[in-house]
PDB file of N, CA and C in Angstrom:
ATOM      1  N   GLN A   1     175.719 105.089 218.412  1.00  0.00           N
ATOM      2  CA  GLN A   1     175.969 106.518 218.340  1.00  0.00           C
ATOM      3  C   GLN A   1     177.432 106.777 217.985  1.00  0.00           C
ATOM      4  N   VAL A   2     177.658 107.830 217.221  1.00  0.00           N
ATOM      5  CA  VAL A   2     179.004 108.195 216.819  1.00  0.00           C
ATOM      6  C   VAL A   2     179.769 108.720 218.018  1.00  0.00           C
ATOM      7  N   GLN A   3     180.994 108.260 218.147  1.00  0.00           N
ATOM      8  CA  GLN A   3     181.836 108.705 219.235  1.00  0.00           C
ATOM      9  C   GLN A   3     183.276 108.828 218.754  1.00  0.00           C
ATOM     10  N   LEU A   4     183.904 109.956 219.067  1.00  0.00           N
ATOM     11  CA  LEU A   4     185.312 110.191 218.798  1.00  0.00           C
ATOM     12  C   LEU A   4     185.981 110.484 220.126  1.00  0.00           C
ATOM     13  N   VAL A   5     186.980 109.708 220.474  1.00  0.00           N
ATOM     14  CA  VAL A   5     187.633 109.834 221.765  1.00  0.00           C
ATOM     15  C   VAL A   5     189.115 110.081 221.555  1.00  0.00           C
ATOM     16  N   GLU A   6     189.569 111.284 221.931  1.00  0.00           N
ATOM     17  CA  GLU A   6     190.980 111.635 221.827  1.00  0.00           C
ATOM     18  C   GLU A   6     191.730 111.203 223.079  1.00  0.00           C
ATOM     19  N   SER A   7     192.995 110.894 222.897  1.00  0.00           N
ATOM     20  CA  SER A   7     193.858 110.573 224.019  1.00  0.00           C
ATOM     21  C   SER A   7     195.292 110.919 223.649  1.00  0.00           C
ATOM     22  N   GLY A   8     196.161 110.957 224.636  1.00  0.00           N
ATOM     23  CA  GLY A   8     197.578 111.174 224.405  1.00  0.00           C
ATOM     24  C   GLY A   8     198.084 112.555 224.746  1.00  0.00           C
ATOM     25  N   GLY A   9     197.197 113.460 225.110  1.00  0.00           N
ATOM     26  CA  GLY A   9     197.633 114.788 225.484  1.00  0.00           C
ATOM     27  C   GLY A   9     198.331 114.791 226.825  1.00  0.00           C
ATOM     28  N   GLY A  10     198.942 115.919 227.140  1.00  0.00           N
ATOM     29  CA  GLY A  10     199.642 116.043 228.402  1.00  0.00           C
ATOM     30  C   GLY A  10     200.571 117.227 228.406  1.00  0.00           C
ATOM     31  N   LEU A  11     201.419 117.264 229.405  1.00  0.00           N
ATOM     32  CA  LEU A  11     202.411 118.320 229.571  1.00  0.00           C
ATOM     33  C   LEU A  11     203.752 117.837 229.052  1.00  0.00           C
ATOM     34  N   VAL A  12     204.367 118.640 228.205  1.00  0.00           N
ATOM     35  CA  VAL A  12     205.648 118.275 227.612  1.00  0.00           C
ATOM     36  C   VAL A  12     206.521 119.518 227.517  1.00  0.00           C
ATOM     37  N   GLN A  13     207.821 119.329 227.609  1.00  0.00           N
ATOM     38  CA  GLN A  13     208.757 120.440 227.493  1.00  0.00           C
ATOM     39  C   GLN A  13     208.967 120.830 226.035  1.00  0.00           C
ATOM     40  N   PRO A  14     209.324 122.088 225.784  1.00  0.00           N
ATOM     41  CA  PRO A  14     209.646 122.477 224.416  1.00  0.00           C
ATOM     42  C   PRO A  14     210.694 121.555 223.811  1.00  0.00           C
ATOM     43  N   GLY A  15     210.475 121.196 222.563  1.00  0.00           N
ATOM     44  CA  GLY A  15     211.343 120.258 221.879  1.00  0.00           C
ATOM     45  C   GLY A  15     210.937 118.814 222.030  1.00  0.00           C
ATOM     46  N   GLY A  16     209.988 118.543 222.909  1.00  0.00           N
ATOM     47  CA  GLY A  16     209.532 117.187 223.135  1.00  0.00           C
ATOM     48  C   GLY A  16     208.521 116.726 222.110  1.00  0.00           C
ATOM     49  N   SER A  17     208.022 115.514 222.320  1.00  0.00           N
ATOM     50  CA  SER A  17     207.091 114.886 221.391  1.00  0.00           C
ATOM     51  C   SER A  17     205.897 114.302 222.119  1.00  0.00           C
ATOM     52  N   LEU A  18     204.782 114.261 221.426  1.00  0.00           N
ATOM     53  CA  LEU A  18     203.579 113.586 221.878  1.00  0.00           C
ATOM     54  C   LEU A  18     202.920 112.941 220.676  1.00  0.00           C
ATOM     55  N   ARG A  19     202.198 111.864 220.914  1.00  0.00           N
ATOM     56  CA  ARG A  19     201.365 111.273 219.885  1.00  0.00           C
ATOM     57  C   ARG A  19     199.929 111.232 220.365  1.00  0.00           C
ATOM     58  N   LEU A  20     199.072 111.941 219.655  1.00  0.00           N
ATOM     59  CA  LEU A  20     197.653 111.937 219.947  1.00  0.00           C
ATOM     60  C   LEU A  20     196.959 110.844 219.162  1.00  0.00           C
ATOM     61  N   SER A  21     195.945 110.257 219.765  1.00  0.00           N
ATOM     62  CA  SER A  21     195.127 109.251 219.112  1.00  0.00           C
ATOM     63  C   SER A  21     193.669 109.667 219.177  1.00  0.00           C
ATOM     64  N   CYS A  22     192.928 109.307 218.162  1.00  0.00           N
ATOM     65  CA  CYS A  22     191.491 109.526 218.128  1.00  0.00           C
ATOM     66  C   CYS A  22     190.840 108.237 217.670  1.00  0.00           C
ATOM     67  N   ALA A  23     190.131 107.596 218.576  1.00  0.00           N
ATOM     68  CA  ALA A  23     189.445 106.346 218.280  1.00  0.00           C
ATOM     69  C   ALA A  23     187.987 106.629 217.955  1.00  0.00           C
ATOM     70  N   ALA A  24     187.547 106.167 216.799  1.00  0.00           N
ATOM     71  CA  ALA A  24     186.191 106.417 216.326  1.00  0.00           C
ATOM     72  C   ALA A  24     185.344 105.163 216.418  1.00  0.00           C
ATOM     73  N   SER A  25     184.076 105.362 216.698  1.00  0.00           N
ATOM     74  CA  SER A  25     183.118 104.270 216.701  1.00  0.00           C
ATOM     75  C   SER A  25     181.765 104.791 216.238  1.00  0.00           C
ATOM     76  N   GLY A  26     180.942 103.895 215.742  1.00  0.00           N
ATOM     77  CA  GLY A  26     179.609 104.275 215.309  1.00  0.00           C
ATOM     78  C   GLY A  26     179.534 104.907 213.936  1.00  0.00           C
ATOM     79  N   LEU A  27     180.603 104.828 213.163  1.00  0.00           N
ATOM     80  CA  LEU A  27     180.621 105.354 211.806  1.00  0.00           C
ATOM     81  C   LEU A  27     181.505 104.489 210.928  1.00  0.00           C
ATOM     82  N   ILE A  28     181.312 104.633 209.612  1.00  0.00           N
ATOM     83  CA  ILE A  28     182.167 103.914 208.667  1.00  0.00           C
ATOM     84  C   ILE A  28     183.438 104.731 208.521  1.00  0.00           C
ATOM     85  N   PHE A  29     184.402 104.419 209.345  1.00  0.00           N
ATOM     86  CA  PHE A  29     185.594 105.240 209.493  1.00  0.00           C
ATOM     87  C   PHE A  29     186.326 105.460 208.177  1.00  0.00           C
ATOM     88  N   SER A  30     186.409 104.427 207.356  1.00  0.00           N
ATOM     89  CA  SER A  30     187.253 104.475 206.164  1.00  0.00           C
ATOM     90  C   SER A  30     186.802 105.492 205.122  1.00  0.00           C
ATOM     91  N   ILE A  31     185.557 105.947 205.169  1.00  0.00           N
ATOM     92  CA  ILE A  31     185.066 106.893 204.175  1.00  0.00           C
ATOM     93  C   ILE A  31     185.071 108.333 204.677  1.00  0.00           C
ATOM     94  N   TYR A  32     185.547 108.564 205.873  1.00  0.00           N
ATOM     95  CA  TYR A  32     185.564 109.900 206.449  1.00  0.00           C
ATOM     96  C   TYR A  32     186.933 110.560 206.328  1.00  0.00           C
ATOM     97  N   THR A  33     186.900 111.842 206.017  1.00  0.00           N
ATOM     98  CA  THR A  33     188.084 112.658 206.195  1.00  0.00           C
ATOM     99  C   THR A  33     188.258 112.926 207.691  1.00  0.00           C
ATOM    100  N   MET A  34     189.468 112.758 208.164  1.00  0.00           N
ATOM    101  CA  MET A  34     189.770 112.957 209.571  1.00  0.00           C
ATOM    102  C   MET A  34     190.705 114.147 209.727  1.00  0.00           C
ATOM    103  N   ASP A  35     190.377 115.006 210.654  1.00  0.00           N
ATOM    104  CA  ASP A  35     191.147 116.225 210.883  1.00  0.00           C
ATOM    105  C   ASP A  35     191.485 116.374 212.357  1.00  0.00           C
ATOM    106  N   TRP A  36     192.590 117.050 212.598  1.00  0.00           N
ATOM    107  CA  TRP A  36     192.934 117.525 213.925  1.00  0.00           C
ATOM    108  C   TRP A  36     192.870 119.044 213.940  1.00  0.00           C
ATOM    109  N   TYR A  37     192.133 119.581 214.883  1.00  0.00           N
ATOM    110  CA  TYR A  37     192.063 121.008 215.139  1.00  0.00           C
ATOM    111  C   TYR A  37     192.641 121.291 216.517  1.00  0.00           C
ATOM    112  N   ARG A  38     192.985 122.532 216.739  1.00  0.00           N
ATOM    113  CA  ARG A  38     193.386 122.930 218.079  1.00  0.00           C
ATOM    114  C   ARG A  38     192.852 124.320 218.386  1.00  0.00           C
ATOM    115  N   GLN A  39     192.692 124.583 219.656  1.00  0.00           N
ATOM    116  CA  GLN A  39     192.212 125.871 220.106  1.00  0.00           C
ATOM    117  C   GLN A  39     192.992 126.311 221.332  1.00  0.00           C
ATOM    118  N   ALA A  40     193.676 127.431 221.192  1.00  0.00           N
ATOM    119  CA  ALA A  40     194.403 128.021 222.296  1.00  0.00           C
ATOM    120  C   ALA A  40     193.501 129.023 223.000  1.00  0.00           C
ATOM    121  N   PRO A  41     193.766 129.317 224.273  1.00  0.00           N
ATOM    122  CA  PRO A  41     192.944 130.288 224.999  1.00  0.00           C
ATOM    123  C   PRO A  41     192.875 131.626 224.282  1.00  0.00           C
ATOM    124  N   GLY A  42     191.672 132.140 224.108  1.00  0.00           N
ATOM    125  CA  GLY A  42     191.470 133.425 223.466  1.00  0.00           C
ATOM    126  C   GLY A  42     191.600 133.422 221.963  1.00  0.00           C
ATOM    127  N   LYS A  43     191.776 132.255 221.362  1.00  0.00           N
ATOM    128  CA  LYS A  43     191.942 132.172 219.919  1.00  0.00           C
ATOM    129  C   LYS A  43     190.872 131.287 219.298  1.00  0.00           C
ATOM    130  N   GLN A  44     190.704 131.446 217.995  1.00  0.00           N
ATOM    131  CA  GLN A  44     189.769 130.616 217.252  1.00  0.00           C
ATOM    132  C   GLN A  44     190.333 129.217 217.057  1.00  0.00           C
ATOM    133  N   ARG A  45     189.442 128.267 216.918  1.00  0.00           N
ATOM    134  CA  ARG A  45     189.860 126.917 216.596  1.00  0.00           C
ATOM    135  C   ARG A  45     190.453 126.892 215.192  1.00  0.00           C
ATOM    136  N   GLU A  46     191.581 126.219 215.033  1.00  0.00           N
ATOM    137  CA  GLU A  46     192.270 126.188 213.756  1.00  0.00           C
ATOM    138  C   GLU A  46     192.577 124.764 213.331  1.00  0.00           C
ATOM    139  N   LEU A  47     192.559 124.561 212.027  1.00  0.00           N
ATOM    140  CA  LEU A  47     192.898 123.260 211.463  1.00  0.00           C
ATOM    141  C   LEU A  47     194.397 123.044 211.553  1.00  0.00           C
ATOM    142  N   VAL A  48     194.792 121.921 212.111  1.00  0.00           N
ATOM    143  CA  VAL A  48     196.192 121.568 212.256  1.00  0.00           C
ATOM    144  C   VAL A  48     196.637 120.626 211.147  1.00  0.00           C
ATOM    145  N   ALA A  49     195.868 119.579 210.924  1.00  0.00           N
ATOM    146  CA  ALA A  49     196.215 118.576 209.927  1.00  0.00           C
ATOM    147  C   ALA A  49     194.975 117.807 209.525  1.00  0.00           C
ATOM    148  N   GLY A  50     194.982 117.281 208.315  1.00  0.00           N
ATOM    149  CA  GLY A  50     193.876 116.481 207.831  1.00  0.00           C
ATOM    150  C   GLY A  50     194.369 115.337 206.974  1.00  0.00           C
ATOM    151  N   ILE A  51     193.568 114.286 206.912  1.00  0.00           N
ATOM    152  CA  ILE A  51     193.893 113.136 206.075  1.00  0.00           C
ATOM    153  C   ILE A  51     192.606 112.621 205.453  1.00  0.00           C
ATOM    154  N   THR A  52     192.636 112.393 204.148  1.00  0.00           N
ATOM    155  CA  THR A  52     191.469 111.951 203.406  1.00  0.00           C
ATOM    156  C   THR A  52     191.336 110.437 203.472  1.00  0.00           C
ATOM    157  N   PRO A  53     190.188 109.902 203.032  1.00  0.00           N
ATOM    158  CA  PRO A  53     190.063 108.445 202.976  1.00  0.00           C
ATOM    159  C   PRO A  53     191.144 107.784 202.138  1.00  0.00           C
ATOM    160  N   GLY A  54     191.615 108.464 201.089  1.00  0.00           N
ATOM    161  CA  GLY A  54     192.661 107.917 200.248  1.00  0.00           C
ATOM    162  C   GLY A  54     194.061 108.096 200.772  1.00  0.00           C
ATOM    163  N   GLY A  55     194.214 108.777 201.905  1.00  0.00           N
ATOM    164  CA  GLY A  55     195.521 108.945 202.508  1.00  0.00           C
ATOM    165  C   GLY A  55     196.204 110.261 202.207  1.00  0.00           C
ATOM    166  N   GLY A  56     195.561 111.146 201.454  1.00  0.00           N
ATOM    167  CA  GLY A  56     196.136 112.451 201.225  1.00  0.00           C
ATOM    168  C   GLY A  56     196.144 113.288 202.493  1.00  0.00           C
ATOM    169  N   THR A  57     197.191 114.070 202.685  1.00  0.00           N
ATOM    170  CA  THR A  57     197.341 114.838 203.919  1.00  0.00           C
ATOM    171  C   THR A  57     197.537 116.309 203.625  1.00  0.00           C
ATOM    172  N   ASN A  58     197.183 117.134 204.606  1.00  0.00           N
ATOM    173  CA  ASN A  58     197.476 118.545 204.556  1.00  0.00           C
ATOM    174  C   ASN A  58     197.757 119.028 205.971  1.00  0.00           C
ATOM    175  N   TYR A  59     198.576 120.083 206.059  1.00  0.00           N
ATOM    176  CA  TYR A  59     199.016 120.590 207.348  1.00  0.00           C
ATOM    177  C   TYR A  59     198.979 122.106 207.365  1.00  0.00           C
ATOM    178  N   ALA A  60     198.728 122.640 208.531  1.00  0.00           N
ATOM    179  CA  ALA A  60     198.922 124.064 208.728  1.00  0.00           C
ATOM    180  C   ALA A  60     200.403 124.392 208.564  1.00  0.00           C
ATOM    181  N   ASP A  61     200.682 125.564 208.011  1.00  0.00           N
ATOM    182  CA  ASP A  61     202.078 125.947 207.799  1.00  0.00           C
ATOM    183  C   ASP A  61     202.879 125.922 209.099  1.00  0.00           C
ATOM    184  N   SER A  62     202.237 126.251 210.198  1.00  0.00           N
ATOM    185  CA  SER A  62     202.932 126.346 211.467  1.00  0.00           C
ATOM    186  C   SER A  62     203.417 125.004 211.999  1.00  0.00           C
ATOM    187  N   VAL A  63     202.852 123.910 211.512  1.00  0.00           N
ATOM    188  CA  VAL A  63     203.242 122.589 212.005  1.00  0.00           C
ATOM    189  C   VAL A  63     203.903 121.733 210.943  1.00  0.00           C
ATOM    190  N   LYS A  64     203.947 122.204 209.720  1.00  0.00           N
ATOM    191  CA  LYS A  64     204.515 121.431 208.632  1.00  0.00           C
ATOM    192  C   LYS A  64     205.968 121.082 208.928  1.00  0.00           C
ATOM    193  N   GLY A  65     206.306 119.822 208.745  1.00  0.00           N
ATOM    194  CA  GLY A  65     207.645 119.347 209.028  1.00  0.00           C
ATOM    195  C   GLY A  65     207.841 118.859 210.444  1.00  0.00           C
ATOM    196  N   ARG A  66     206.912 119.179 211.337  1.00  0.00           N
ATOM    197  CA  ARG A  66     206.998 118.756 212.727  1.00  0.00           C
ATOM    198  C   ARG A  66     205.931 117.741 213.107  1.00  0.00           C
ATOM    199  N   PHE A  67     204.746 117.874 212.514  1.00  0.00           N
ATOM    200  CA  PHE A  67     203.619 117.000 212.834  1.00  0.00           C
ATOM    201  C   PHE A  67     203.356 116.056 211.672  1.00  0.00           C
ATOM    202  N   THR A  68     202.877 114.868 211.987  1.00  0.00           N
ATOM    203  CA  THR A  68     202.491 113.896 210.981  1.00  0.00           C
ATOM    204  C   THR A  68     201.151 113.284 211.349  1.00  0.00           C
ATOM    205  N   ILE A  69     200.193 113.366 210.434  1.00  0.00           N
ATOM    206  CA  ILE A  69     198.902 112.738 210.638  1.00  0.00           C
ATOM    207  C   ILE A  69     198.879 111.410 209.897  1.00  0.00           C
ATOM    208  N   SER A  70     198.263 110.415 210.499  1.00  0.00           N
ATOM    209  CA  SER A  70     198.144 109.110 209.871  1.00  0.00           C
ATOM    210  C   SER A  70     196.854 108.456 210.329  1.00  0.00           C
ATOM    211  N   ARG A  71     196.443 107.424 209.628  1.00  0.00           N
ATOM    212  CA  ARG A  71     195.235 106.718 210.019  1.00  0.00           C
ATOM    213  C   ARG A  71     195.432 105.228 209.873  1.00  0.00           C
ATOM    214  N   ASP A  72     194.750 104.492 210.709  1.00  0.00           N
ATOM    215  CA  ASP A  72     194.733 103.042 210.660  1.00  0.00           C
ATOM    216  C   ASP A  72     193.272 102.635 210.575  1.00  0.00           C
ATOM    217  N   ASN A  73     192.814 102.361 209.364  1.00  0.00           N
ATOM    218  CA  ASN A  73     191.403 102.055 209.174  1.00  0.00           C
ATOM    219  C   ASN A  73     190.993 100.756 209.866  1.00  0.00           C
ATOM    220  N   ALA A  74     191.923  99.824 210.002  1.00  0.00           N
ATOM    221  CA  ALA A  74     191.615  98.575 210.689  1.00  0.00           C
ATOM    222  C   ALA A  74     191.324  98.806 212.162  1.00  0.00           C
ATOM    223  N   LYS A  75     191.885  99.868 212.722  1.00  0.00           N
ATOM    224  CA  LYS A  75     191.673 100.197 214.128  1.00  0.00           C
ATOM    225  C   LYS A  75     190.714 101.360 214.326  1.00  0.00           C
ATOM    226  N   ASN A  76     190.181 101.902 213.230  1.00  0.00           N
ATOM    227  CA  ASN A  76     189.291 103.067 213.304  1.00  0.00           C
ATOM    228  C   ASN A  76     189.921 104.195 214.113  1.00  0.00           C
ATOM    229  N   THR A  77     191.183 104.455 213.848  1.00  0.00           N
ATOM    230  CA  THR A  77     191.932 105.414 214.643  1.00  0.00           C
ATOM    231  C   THR A  77     192.762 106.326 213.752  1.00  0.00           C
ATOM    232  N   VAL A  78     192.780 107.602 214.099  1.00  0.00           N
ATOM    233  CA  VAL A  78     193.654 108.569 213.458  1.00  0.00           C
ATOM    234  C   VAL A  78     194.640 109.075 214.494  1.00  0.00           C
ATOM    235  N   TYR A  79     195.863 109.335 214.059  1.00  0.00           N
ATOM    236  CA  TYR A  79     196.937 109.736 214.952  1.00  0.00           C
ATOM    237  C   TYR A  79     197.503 111.082 214.530  1.00  0.00           C
ATOM    238  N   LEU A  80     198.080 111.761 215.494  1.00  0.00           N
ATOM    239  CA  LEU A  80     198.847 112.961 215.213  1.00  0.00           C
ATOM    240  C   LEU A  80     200.155 112.864 215.982  1.00  0.00           C
ATOM    241  N   GLN A  81     201.222 112.596 215.260  1.00  0.00           N
ATOM    242  CA  GLN A  81     202.551 112.576 215.852  1.00  0.00           C
ATOM    243  C   GLN A  81     203.093 113.996 215.860  1.00  0.00           C
ATOM    244  N   MET A  82     203.411 114.502 217.032  1.00  0.00           N
ATOM    245  CA  MET A  82     203.858 115.874 217.195  1.00  0.00           C
ATOM    246  C   MET A  82     205.280 115.862 217.729  1.00  0.00           C
ATOM    247  N   ASN A  83     206.199 116.377 216.942  1.00  0.00           N
ATOM    248  CA  ASN A  83     207.604 116.460 217.318  1.00  0.00           C
ATOM    249  C   ASN A  83     208.038 117.911 217.406  1.00  0.00           C
ATOM    250  N   SER A  84     209.168 118.129 218.052  1.00  0.00           N
ATOM    251  CA  SER A  84     209.739 119.470 218.182  1.00  0.00           C
ATOM    252  C   SER A  84     208.697 120.470 218.657  1.00  0.00           C
ATOM    253  N   LEU A  85     207.992 120.109 219.704  1.00  0.00           N
ATOM    254  CA  LEU A  85     206.882 120.928 220.176  1.00  0.00           C
ATOM    255  C   LEU A  85     207.358 122.273 220.708  1.00  0.00           C
ATOM    256  N   LYS A  86     206.525 123.270 220.472  1.00  0.00           N
ATOM    257  CA  LYS A  86     206.786 124.640 220.881  1.00  0.00           C
ATOM    258  C   LYS A  86     205.686 125.113 221.821  1.00  0.00           C
ATOM    259  N   PRO A  87     205.965 126.127 222.641  1.00  0.00           N
ATOM    260  CA  PRO A  87     204.896 126.663 223.492  1.00  0.00           C
ATOM    261  C   PRO A  87     203.661 127.083 222.702  1.00  0.00           C
ATOM    262  N   GLY A  88     203.838 127.559 221.477  1.00  0.00           N
ATOM    263  CA  GLY A  88     202.718 127.947 220.645  1.00  0.00           C
ATOM    264  C   GLY A  88     201.826 126.807 220.210  1.00  0.00           C
ATOM    265  N   ASP A  89     202.265 125.576 220.427  1.00  0.00           N
ATOM    266  CA  ASP A  89     201.434 124.424 220.127  1.00  0.00           C
ATOM    267  C   ASP A  89     200.441 124.112 221.240  1.00  0.00           C
ATOM    268  N   THR A  90     200.531 124.811 222.337  1.00  0.00           N
ATOM    269  CA  THR A  90     199.645 124.586 223.471  1.00  0.00           C
ATOM    270  C   THR A  90     198.191 124.854 223.093  1.00  0.00           C
ATOM    271  N   GLY A  91     197.311 123.989 223.531  1.00  0.00           N
ATOM    272  CA  GLY A  91     195.898 124.172 223.293  1.00  0.00           C
ATOM    273  C   GLY A  91     195.148 122.870 223.467  1.00  0.00           C
ATOM    274  N   VAL A  92     193.856 122.939 223.291  1.00  0.00           N
ATOM    275  CA  VAL A  92     193.026 121.747 223.285  1.00  0.00           C
ATOM    276  C   VAL A  92     192.947 121.233 221.860  1.00  0.00           C
ATOM    277  N   TYR A  93     193.299 119.991 221.669  1.00  0.00           N
ATOM    278  CA  TYR A  93     193.303 119.365 220.353  1.00  0.00           C
ATOM    279  C   TYR A  93     192.055 118.520 220.180  1.00  0.00           C
ATOM    280  N   TYR A  94     191.359 118.752 219.069  1.00  0.00           N
ATOM    281  CA  TYR A  94     190.105 118.085 218.781  1.00  0.00           C
ATOM    282  C   TYR A  94     190.211 117.253 217.517  1.00  0.00           C
ATOM    283  N   CYS A  95     189.600 116.107 217.546  1.00  0.00           N
ATOM    284  CA  CYS A  95     189.482 115.235 216.398  1.00  0.00           C
ATOM    285  C   CYS A  95     188.138 115.486 215.716  1.00  0.00           C
ATOM    286  N   LYS A  96     188.148 115.542 214.394  1.00  0.00           N
ATOM    287  CA  LYS A  96     186.936 115.761 213.617  1.00  0.00           C
ATOM    288  C   LYS A  96     186.841 114.733 212.504  1.00  0.00           C
ATOM    289  N   ALA A  97     185.657 114.175 212.332  1.00  0.00           N
ATOM    290  CA  ALA A  97     185.353 113.278 211.225  1.00  0.00           C
ATOM    291  C   ALA A  97     184.296 113.929 210.359  1.00  0.00           C
ATOM    292  N   SER A  98     184.501 113.947 209.046  1.00  0.00           N
ATOM    293  CA  SER A  98     183.535 114.585 208.168  1.00  0.00           C
ATOM    294  C   SER A  98     183.474 113.874 206.830  1.00  0.00           C
ATOM    295  N   GLN A  99     182.315 113.978 206.203  1.00  0.00           N
ATOM    296  CA  GLN A  99     182.156 113.469 204.850  1.00  0.00           C
ATOM    297  C   GLN A  99     181.032 114.213 204.146  1.00  0.00           C
ATOM    298  N   TYR A 100     181.158 114.324 202.851  1.00  0.00           N
ATOM    299  CA  TYR A 100     180.110 114.866 202.005  1.00  0.00           C
ATOM    300  C   TYR A 100     179.902 113.870 200.872  1.00  0.00           C
ATOM    301  N   ARG A 101     178.668 113.416 200.736  1.00  0.00           N
ATOM    302  CA  ARG A 101     178.358 112.458 199.688  1.00  0.00           C
ATOM    303  C   ARG A 101     176.901 112.578 199.292  1.00  0.00           C
ATOM    304  N   SER A 102     176.655 112.743 197.985  1.00  0.00           N
ATOM    305  CA  SER A 102     175.319 112.831 197.395  1.00  0.00           C
ATOM    306  C   SER A 102     174.390 113.749 198.183  1.00  0.00           C
ATOM    307  N   GLY A 103     174.856 114.971 198.440  1.00  0.00           N
ATOM    308  CA  GLY A 103     174.038 115.970 199.093  1.00  0.00           C
ATOM    309  C   GLY A 103     173.961 115.883 200.599  1.00  0.00           C
ATOM    310  N   THR A 104     174.659 114.944 201.179  1.00  0.00           N
ATOM    311  CA  THR A 104     174.645 114.780 202.628  1.00  0.00           C
ATOM    312  C   THR A 104     176.009 115.132 203.207  1.00  0.00           C
ATOM    313  N   PHE A 105     176.020 116.037 204.167  1.00  0.00           N
ATOM    314  CA  PHE A 105     177.245 116.406 204.855  1.00  0.00           C
ATOM    315  C   PHE A 105     177.118 116.026 206.325  1.00  0.00           C
ATOM    316  N   LEU A 106     178.113 115.327 206.814  1.00  0.00           N
ATOM    317  CA  LEU A 106     178.147 114.913 208.206  1.00  0.00           C
ATOM    318  C   LEU A 106     179.481 115.309 208.814  1.00  0.00           C
ATOM    319  N   ALA A 107     179.440 115.784 210.030  1.00  0.00           N
ATOM    320  CA  ALA A 107     180.656 116.122 210.754  1.00  0.00           C
ATOM    321  C   ALA A 107     180.462 115.808 212.226  1.00  0.00           C
ATOM    322  N   TYR A 108     181.487 115.235 212.818  1.00  0.00           N
ATOM    323  CA  TYR A 108     181.467 114.876 214.230  1.00  0.00           C
ATOM    324  C   TYR A 108     182.757 115.332 214.878  1.00  0.00           C
ATOM    325  N   TRP A 109     182.656 115.691 216.146  1.00  0.00           N
ATOM    326  CA  TRP A 109     183.794 116.196 216.911  1.00  0.00           C
ATOM    327  C   TRP A 109     184.011 115.369 218.161  1.00  0.00           C
ATOM    328  N   GLY A 110     185.271 115.213 218.514  1.00  0.00           N
ATOM    329  CA  GLY A 110     185.610 114.621 219.785  1.00  0.00           C
ATOM    330  C   GLY A 110     185.558 115.642 220.899  1.00  0.00           C
ATOM    331  N   GLN A 111     185.838 115.191 222.109  1.00  0.00           N
ATOM    332  CA  GLN A 111     185.733 116.059 223.280  1.00  0.00           C
ATOM    333  C   GLN A 111     186.981 116.904 223.513  1.00  0.00           C
ATOM    334  N   GLY A 112     188.066 116.553 222.875  1.00  0.00           N
ATOM    335  CA  GLY A 112     189.304 117.293 223.000  1.00  0.00           C
ATOM    336  C   GLY A 112     190.250 116.718 224.029  1.00  0.00           C
ATOM    337  N   THR A 113     191.526 116.971 223.819  1.00  0.00           N
ATOM    338  CA  THR A 113     192.555 116.582 224.771  1.00  0.00           C
ATOM    339  C   THR A 113     193.556 117.730 224.896  1.00  0.00           C
ATOM    340  N   GLN A 114     193.946 118.029 226.116  1.00  0.00           N
ATOM    341  CA  GLN A 114     194.800 119.177 226.383  1.00  0.00           C
ATOM    342  C   GLN A 114     196.259 118.850 226.096  1.00  0.00           C
ATOM    343  N   VAL A 115     196.904 119.735 225.366  1.00  0.00           N
ATOM    344  CA  VAL A 115     198.344 119.671 225.136  1.00  0.00           C
ATOM    345  C   VAL A 115     198.960 120.951 225.674  1.00  0.00           C
ATOM    346  N   THR A 116     199.895 120.806 226.580  1.00  0.00           N
ATOM    347  CA  THR A 116     200.583 121.957 227.150  1.00  0.00           C
ATOM    348  C   THR A 116     202.074 121.798 226.948  1.00  0.00           C
ATOM    349  N   VAL A 117     202.681 122.769 226.286  1.00  0.00           N
ATOM    350  CA  VAL A 117     204.116 122.765 226.027  1.00  0.00           C
ATOM    351  C   VAL A 117     204.723 123.888 226.855  1.00  0.00           C
ATOM    352  N   SER A 118     205.457 123.511 227.870  1.00  0.00           N
ATOM    353  CA  SER A 118     205.988 124.492 228.803  1.00  0.00           C
ATOM    354  C   SER A 118     207.209 123.936 229.508  1.00  0.00           C
ATOM    355  N   SER A 119     208.139 124.815 229.810  1.00  0.00           N
ATOM    356  CA  SER A 119     209.313 124.447 230.575  1.00  0.00           C
ATOM    357  C   SER A 119     209.175 124.827 232.041  1.00  0.00           C
TER     358      SER A 119
END
């Protein structure tokens, strides 16, 4: 069965850093686009960063220059390095794996990990 397990969340002060990890199993990791989403209380879930199988990346404007997404296909893991954290970065961060190929679309979500930025 497909499983995405996020880790690395926690409480951090403004200006601090965290690195989130998402370990995938039960899928061919290397062919999936991997994304990080986040959801703050009372707000819609939003795309934070994404990385394609070929290594192309995209970021939300609000995190550009502060966050870096990367993947290690040998470890079936995607990372989100978060620097210069702000209170507005607080929320539950979710890992998503998706692919579309020959008429088939698949998407899987992790359970989420809480990130709280507060002094």
